[in-house]
């Protein structure tokens, strides 16, 4: 009787240890996490540089200070409002719907960008 209890608890601990190891292997992928972080960094940096450069190109040199202030306010404010808004939406609807709404908002944001591109003739 004691032997059965000891052997069954040992078997349970071995099986839980092996499942725990396989879970850790599946859940922790440092290479893919680093890759995704790098991709996010590249996309954010390129978007920041592109938008700031576009704004500088549209004003004379005397307006660079104003452009810098407006750009910083809009970009940093948008990051904060977007994070809070997404968090609230994800808490209310769940992540799949929050991502769907975010994708829809990004598509809606393309409308003024396309209009502006046609108006200015930028390629």
N, C-alpha and C. Protein backbone atom coordinates (compact mmCIF):
# COMPACT_ATOMS: atom_id res chain seq x y z
N UNK A 1 0.82 -1.19 0.00
CA UNK A 1 0.00 0.00 0.00
C UNK A 1 0.87 1.26 0.00
N UNK A 2 1.86 1.33 0.87
CA UNK A 2 2.76 2.48 0.92
C UNK A 2 3.56 2.56 -0.36
N UNK A 3 4.01 1.40 -0.85
CA UNK A 3 4.77 1.37 -2.10
C UNK A 3 3.96 1.91 -3.27
N UNK A 4 2.68 1.57 -3.34
CA UNK A 4 1.82 2.07 -4.42
C UNK A 4 1.68 3.59 -4.34
N UNK A 5 1.51 4.11 -3.13
CA UNK A 5 1.37 5.56 -2.97
C UNK A 5 2.66 6.27 -3.38
N UNK A 6 3.80 5.72 -2.98
CA UNK A 6 5.08 6.33 -3.33
C UNK A 6 5.32 6.25 -4.83
N UNK A 7 5.06 5.08 -5.43
CA UNK A 7 5.31 4.93 -6.86
C UNK A 7 4.36 5.78 -7.68
N UNK A 8 3.11 5.91 -7.25
CA UNK A 8 2.17 6.73 -8.02
C UNK A 8 2.52 8.22 -7.89
N UNK A 9 2.96 8.65 -6.69
CA UNK A 9 3.33 10.06 -6.55
C UNK A 9 4.61 10.36 -7.34
N UNK A 10 5.53 9.40 -7.40
CA UNK A 10 6.75 9.59 -8.19
C UNK A 10 6.41 9.67 -9.67
N UNK A 11 5.50 8.82 -10.12
CA UNK A 11 5.09 8.86 -11.53
C UNK A 11 4.40 10.17 -11.85
N UNK A 12 3.57 10.64 -10.93
CA UNK A 12 2.90 11.92 -11.16
C UNK A 12 3.91 13.06 -11.22
N UNK A 13 4.88 13.05 -10.33
CA UNK A 13 5.85 14.13 -10.34
C UNK A 13 6.72 14.08 -11.59
N UNK A 14 7.05 12.87 -12.07
CA UNK A 14 7.83 12.77 -13.31
C UNK A 14 7.03 13.26 -14.50
N UNK A 15 5.75 12.87 -14.56
CA UNK A 15 4.95 13.30 -15.71
C UNK A 15 4.68 14.80 -15.66
N UNK A 16 4.46 15.33 -14.46
CA UNK A 16 4.25 16.78 -14.38
C UNK A 16 5.53 17.54 -14.68
N UNK A 17 6.68 16.97 -14.28
CA UNK A 17 7.95 17.64 -14.58
C UNK A 17 8.21 17.64 -16.08
N UNK A 18 7.93 16.53 -16.75
CA UNK A 18 8.17 16.50 -18.19
C UNK A 18 7.19 17.40 -18.93
N UNK A 19 5.93 17.46 -18.46
CA UNK A 19 4.98 18.36 -19.13
C UNK A 19 5.36 19.81 -18.87
N UNK A 20 5.89 20.07 -17.67
CA UNK A 20 6.33 21.43 -17.36
C UNK A 20 7.51 21.83 -18.25
N UNK A 21 8.46 20.90 -18.47
CA UNK A 21 9.58 21.21 -19.34
C UNK A 21 9.12 21.45 -20.77
N UNK A 22 8.20 20.63 -21.26
CA UNK A 22 7.74 20.83 -22.63
C UNK A 22 6.95 22.12 -22.76
N UNK A 23 6.20 22.48 -21.71
CA UNK A 23 5.47 23.75 -21.74
C UNK A 23 6.45 24.91 -21.78
N UNK A 24 7.51 24.84 -20.97
CA UNK A 24 8.49 25.92 -20.97
C UNK A 24 9.18 26.04 -22.32
N UNK A 25 9.45 24.90 -22.95
CA UNK A 25 10.09 24.96 -24.27
C UNK A 25 9.17 25.62 -25.27
N UNK A 26 7.88 25.28 -25.22
CA UNK A 26 6.93 25.84 -26.19
C UNK A 26 6.63 27.30 -25.90
N UNK A 27 6.54 27.65 -24.62
CA UNK A 27 6.14 29.01 -24.27
C UNK A 27 7.28 30.01 -24.39
N UNK A 28 8.49 29.57 -24.20
CA UNK A 28 9.61 30.51 -24.20
C UNK A 28 10.48 30.28 -25.43
N UNK A 29 10.34 31.16 -26.38
CA UNK A 29 11.14 31.09 -27.60
C UNK A 29 11.92 32.39 -27.71
N UNK A 30 13.10 32.44 -27.11
CA UNK A 30 13.83 33.72 -27.08
C UNK A 30 14.20 34.22 -28.47
N UNK A 31 14.47 33.30 -29.39
CA UNK A 31 14.85 33.76 -30.71
C UNK A 31 13.69 34.43 -31.42
N UNK A 32 12.50 33.86 -31.34
CA UNK A 32 11.36 34.48 -32.00
C UNK A 32 10.94 35.75 -31.28
N UNK A 33 11.08 35.80 -29.96
CA UNK A 33 10.76 37.02 -29.22
C UNK A 33 11.72 38.14 -29.60
N UNK A 34 12.99 37.82 -29.71
CA UNK A 34 13.97 38.83 -30.11
C UNK A 34 13.70 39.30 -31.53
N UNK A 35 13.34 38.38 -32.41
CA UNK A 35 13.04 38.74 -33.80
C UNK A 35 11.84 39.68 -33.87
N UNK A 36 10.78 39.36 -33.13
CA UNK A 36 9.59 40.21 -33.14
C UNK A 36 9.88 41.58 -32.54
N UNK A 37 10.68 41.61 -31.49
CA UNK A 37 11.05 42.90 -30.90
C UNK A 37 11.86 43.74 -31.88
N UNK A 38 12.76 43.09 -32.60
CA UNK A 38 13.57 43.79 -33.59
C UNK A 38 12.70 44.34 -34.72
N UNK A 39 11.74 43.54 -35.18
CA UNK A 39 10.83 43.99 -36.24
C UNK A 39 10.00 45.18 -35.78
N UNK A 40 9.52 45.12 -34.54
CA UNK A 40 8.74 46.23 -34.00
C UNK A 40 9.59 47.49 -33.91
N UNK A 41 10.82 47.33 -33.46
CA UNK A 41 11.72 48.47 -33.37
C UNK A 41 11.96 49.09 -34.75
N UNK A 42 12.21 48.26 -35.74
CA UNK A 42 12.44 48.78 -37.10
C UNK A 42 11.23 49.50 -37.65
N UNK A 43 10.06 48.92 -37.45
CA UNK A 43 8.86 49.55 -38.01
C UNK A 43 8.55 50.86 -37.31
N UNK A 44 8.71 50.90 -35.99
CA UNK A 44 8.45 52.15 -35.28
C UNK A 44 9.46 53.22 -35.65
N UNK A 45 10.72 52.85 -35.75
CA UNK A 45 11.76 53.83 -36.09
C UNK A 45 11.56 54.36 -37.51
N UNK A 46 11.23 53.49 -38.43
CA UNK A 46 11.05 53.96 -39.81
C UNK A 46 9.81 54.83 -39.93
N UNK A 47 8.75 54.51 -39.20
CA UNK A 47 7.54 55.34 -39.23
C UNK A 47 7.82 56.71 -38.61
N UNK A 48 8.57 56.73 -37.52
CA UNK A 48 8.91 58.01 -36.90
C UNK A 48 9.72 58.88 -37.85
N UNK A 49 10.74 58.31 -38.44
CA UNK A 49 11.60 59.09 -39.35
C UNK A 49 10.84 59.55 -40.58
N UNK A 50 10.01 58.70 -41.13
CA UNK A 50 9.29 59.06 -42.35
C UNK A 50 8.28 60.18 -42.09
N UNK A 51 7.54 60.10 -41.00
CA UNK A 51 6.54 61.14 -40.75
C UNK A 51 7.19 62.47 -40.40
N UNK A 52 8.26 62.44 -39.63
CA UNK A 52 8.93 63.69 -39.28
C UNK A 52 9.58 64.33 -40.51
N UNK A 53 10.20 63.53 -41.34
CA UNK A 53 10.82 64.05 -42.56
C UNK A 53 9.77 64.65 -43.50
N UNK A 54 8.62 63.99 -43.60
CA UNK A 54 7.54 64.51 -44.45
C UNK A 54 7.05 65.85 -43.93
N UNK A 55 6.92 65.98 -42.63
CA UNK A 55 6.48 67.26 -42.08
C UNK A 55 7.52 68.36 -42.28
N UNK A 56 8.81 68.03 -42.10
CA UNK A 56 9.85 69.03 -42.35
C UNK A 56 9.86 69.48 -43.80
N UNK A 57 9.59 68.58 -44.72
CA UNK A 57 9.61 68.92 -46.14
C UNK A 57 8.50 69.89 -46.53
N UNK A 58 7.48 69.98 -45.73
CA UNK A 58 6.32 70.81 -46.08
C UNK A 58 6.35 72.21 -45.49
N UNK A 59 7.37 72.53 -44.71
CA UNK A 59 7.44 73.86 -44.11
C UNK A 59 8.80 74.49 -44.40
N UNK A 60 8.88 75.81 -44.34
CA UNK A 60 10.19 76.44 -44.49
C UNK A 60 11.04 76.17 -43.24
N UNK A 61 12.31 76.45 -43.34
CA UNK A 61 13.24 76.19 -42.23
C UNK A 61 12.84 76.92 -40.96
N UNK A 62 12.18 78.04 -41.08
CA UNK A 62 11.77 78.79 -39.89
C UNK A 62 10.67 78.07 -39.10
N UNK A 63 9.99 77.12 -39.72
CA UNK A 63 8.91 76.39 -39.05
C UNK A 63 9.33 75.06 -38.45
N UNK A 64 10.63 74.76 -38.47
CA UNK A 64 11.09 73.46 -37.97
C UNK A 64 10.80 73.27 -36.48
N UNK A 65 10.91 74.31 -35.69
CA UNK A 65 10.63 74.20 -34.25
C UNK A 65 9.17 73.84 -34.00
N UNK A 66 8.28 74.49 -34.73
CA UNK A 66 6.85 74.20 -34.59
C UNK A 66 6.55 72.78 -35.05
N UNK A 67 7.15 72.38 -36.17
CA UNK A 67 6.94 71.02 -36.67
C UNK A 67 7.40 70.00 -35.63
N UNK A 68 8.55 70.23 -35.04
CA UNK A 68 9.07 69.29 -34.05
C UNK A 68 8.13 69.18 -32.85
N UNK A 69 7.62 70.31 -32.36
CA UNK A 69 6.72 70.29 -31.21
C UNK A 69 5.40 69.60 -31.54
N UNK A 70 4.83 69.93 -32.68
CA UNK A 70 3.56 69.33 -33.07
C UNK A 70 3.72 67.83 -33.31
N UNK A 71 4.80 67.46 -33.97
CA UNK A 71 5.03 66.04 -34.25
C UNK A 71 5.19 65.25 -32.95
N UNK A 72 6.01 65.76 -32.01
CA UNK A 72 6.21 65.07 -30.73
C UNK A 72 4.91 64.94 -29.96
N UNK A 73 4.12 65.99 -29.93
CA UNK A 73 2.85 65.95 -29.23
C UNK A 73 1.92 64.92 -29.86
N UNK A 74 1.82 64.94 -31.18
CA UNK A 74 0.92 64.02 -31.86
C UNK A 74 1.38 62.57 -31.76
N UNK A 75 2.66 62.34 -31.95
CA UNK A 75 3.16 60.96 -31.95
C UNK A 75 3.11 60.36 -30.55
N UNK A 76 3.63 61.08 -29.57
CA UNK A 76 3.63 60.55 -28.20
C UNK A 76 2.22 60.49 -27.62
N UNK A 77 1.43 61.50 -27.92
CA UNK A 77 0.04 61.47 -27.46
C UNK A 77 -0.74 60.35 -28.10
N UNK A 78 -0.50 60.11 -29.38
CA UNK A 78 -1.17 59.01 -30.05
C UNK A 78 -0.78 57.65 -29.50
N UNK A 79 0.50 57.52 -29.14
CA UNK A 79 0.94 56.25 -28.53
C UNK A 79 0.24 56.03 -27.19
N UNK A 80 0.13 57.08 -26.38
CA UNK A 80 -0.52 56.94 -25.08
C UNK A 80 -2.01 56.68 -25.19
N UNK A 81 -2.69 57.47 -26.01
CA UNK A 81 -4.13 57.30 -26.18
C UNK A 81 -4.43 55.95 -26.83
N UNK A 82 -3.59 55.56 -27.78
CA UNK A 82 -3.80 54.27 -28.43
C UNK A 82 -3.63 53.11 -27.48
N UNK A 83 -2.63 53.17 -26.62
CA UNK A 83 -2.40 52.09 -25.66
C UNK A 83 -3.55 51.99 -24.65
N UNK A 84 -3.97 53.12 -24.13
CA UNK A 84 -5.08 53.12 -23.17
C UNK A 84 -6.37 52.67 -23.85
N UNK A 85 -6.61 53.19 -25.05
CA UNK A 85 -7.82 52.81 -25.77
C UNK A 85 -7.85 51.33 -26.13
N UNK A 86 -6.71 50.81 -26.59
CA UNK A 86 -6.66 49.39 -26.93
C UNK A 86 -6.84 48.54 -25.68
N UNK A 87 -6.21 48.92 -24.59
CA UNK A 87 -6.36 48.16 -23.34
C UNK A 87 -7.80 48.14 -22.86
N UNK A 88 -8.46 49.28 -22.92
CA UNK A 88 -9.86 49.35 -22.51
C UNK A 88 -10.74 48.51 -23.43
N UNK A 89 -10.49 48.61 -24.72
CA UNK A 89 -11.27 47.84 -25.69
C UNK A 89 -11.03 46.34 -25.53
N UNK A 90 -9.77 45.95 -25.32
CA UNK A 90 -9.46 44.53 -25.13
C UNK A 90 -10.09 44.00 -23.85
N UNK A 91 -10.13 44.80 -22.81
CA UNK A 91 -10.77 44.39 -21.58
C UNK A 91 -12.27 44.23 -21.73
N UNK A 92 -12.85 45.03 -22.58
CA UNK A 92 -14.31 45.00 -22.77
C UNK A 92 -14.74 43.93 -23.76
N UNK A 93 -14.00 43.79 -24.87
CA UNK A 93 -14.43 42.88 -25.94
C UNK A 93 -13.56 41.64 -26.08
N UNK A 94 -12.35 41.66 -25.55
CA UNK A 94 -11.40 40.58 -25.76
C UNK A 94 -10.41 40.97 -26.84
N UNK A 95 -9.29 40.27 -26.87
CA UNK A 95 -8.21 40.62 -27.79
C UNK A 95 -8.57 40.45 -29.27
N UNK A 96 -9.24 39.40 -29.69
CA UNK A 96 -9.54 39.28 -31.13
C UNK A 96 -10.33 40.47 -31.67
N UNK A 97 -11.35 40.90 -30.94
CA UNK A 97 -12.14 42.04 -31.41
C UNK A 97 -11.36 43.34 -31.32
N UNK A 98 -10.53 43.47 -30.31
CA UNK A 98 -9.72 44.68 -30.18
C UNK A 98 -8.75 44.80 -31.35
N UNK A 99 -8.13 43.68 -31.75
CA UNK A 99 -7.25 43.73 -32.91
C UNK A 99 -8.03 44.00 -34.19
N UNK A 100 -9.23 43.46 -34.31
CA UNK A 100 -10.06 43.71 -35.50
C UNK A 100 -10.43 45.19 -35.60
N UNK A 101 -10.82 45.79 -34.48
CA UNK A 101 -11.16 47.22 -34.48
C UNK A 101 -9.93 48.06 -34.80
N UNK A 102 -8.78 47.67 -34.28
CA UNK A 102 -7.54 48.39 -34.57
C UNK A 102 -7.22 48.33 -36.06
N UNK A 103 -7.37 47.15 -36.66
CA UNK A 103 -7.13 47.02 -38.10
C UNK A 103 -8.09 47.89 -38.90
N UNK A 104 -9.35 47.93 -38.47
CA UNK A 104 -10.33 48.77 -39.16
C UNK A 104 -9.97 50.25 -39.04
N UNK A 105 -9.54 50.67 -37.87
CA UNK A 105 -9.13 52.07 -37.70
C UNK A 105 -7.92 52.41 -38.55
N UNK A 106 -7.01 51.45 -38.70
CA UNK A 106 -5.84 51.70 -39.55
C UNK A 106 -6.26 51.84 -41.01
N UNK A 107 -7.23 51.05 -41.45
CA UNK A 107 -7.72 51.19 -42.82
C UNK A 107 -8.42 52.52 -43.02
N UNK A 108 -9.18 52.96 -42.03
CA UNK A 108 -9.85 54.26 -42.11
C UNK A 108 -8.82 55.38 -42.19
N UNK A 109 -7.69 55.23 -41.49
CA UNK A 109 -6.64 56.26 -41.51
C UNK A 109 -5.97 56.36 -42.88
N UNK A 110 -6.10 55.34 -43.71
CA UNK A 110 -5.51 55.40 -45.05
C UNK A 110 -6.25 56.37 -45.97
N UNK A 111 -7.52 56.62 -45.70
CA UNK A 111 -8.31 57.51 -46.58
C UNK A 111 -7.70 58.91 -46.65
N UNK A 112 -7.47 59.60 -45.53
CA UNK A 112 -6.86 60.93 -45.66
C UNK A 112 -5.43 60.87 -46.20
N UNK A 113 -4.70 59.79 -45.90
CA UNK A 113 -3.34 59.67 -46.43
C UNK A 113 -3.35 59.56 -47.95
N UNK A 114 -4.28 58.79 -48.49
CA UNK A 114 -4.38 58.66 -49.95
C UNK A 114 -4.83 59.97 -50.59
N UNK A 115 -5.76 60.67 -49.95
CA UNK A 115 -6.19 61.97 -50.47
C UNK A 115 -5.02 62.96 -50.50
N UNK A 116 -4.25 62.96 -49.42
CA UNK A 116 -3.11 63.86 -49.34
C UNK A 116 -2.06 63.52 -50.40
N UNK A 117 -1.85 62.25 -50.64
CA UNK A 117 -0.87 61.84 -51.64
C UNK A 117 -1.31 62.29 -53.03
N UNK A 118 -2.59 62.15 -53.33
CA UNK A 118 -3.10 62.62 -54.64
C UNK A 118 -3.00 64.14 -54.76
N UNK A 119 -3.27 64.84 -53.67
CA UNK A 119 -3.23 66.31 -53.69
C UNK A 119 -1.83 66.84 -53.87
N UNK A 120 -0.86 66.26 -53.19
CA UNK A 120 0.51 66.76 -53.26
C UNK A 120 1.31 66.14 -54.39
N UNK A 121 0.88 65.00 -54.89
CA UNK A 121 1.60 64.34 -55.98
C UNK A 121 2.82 63.57 -55.54
N UNK A 122 2.92 63.27 -54.21
CA UNK A 122 4.04 62.46 -53.72
C UNK A 122 3.89 61.03 -54.21
N UNK A 123 5.01 60.43 -54.56
CA UNK A 123 4.96 59.04 -55.04
C UNK A 123 5.26 58.08 -53.95
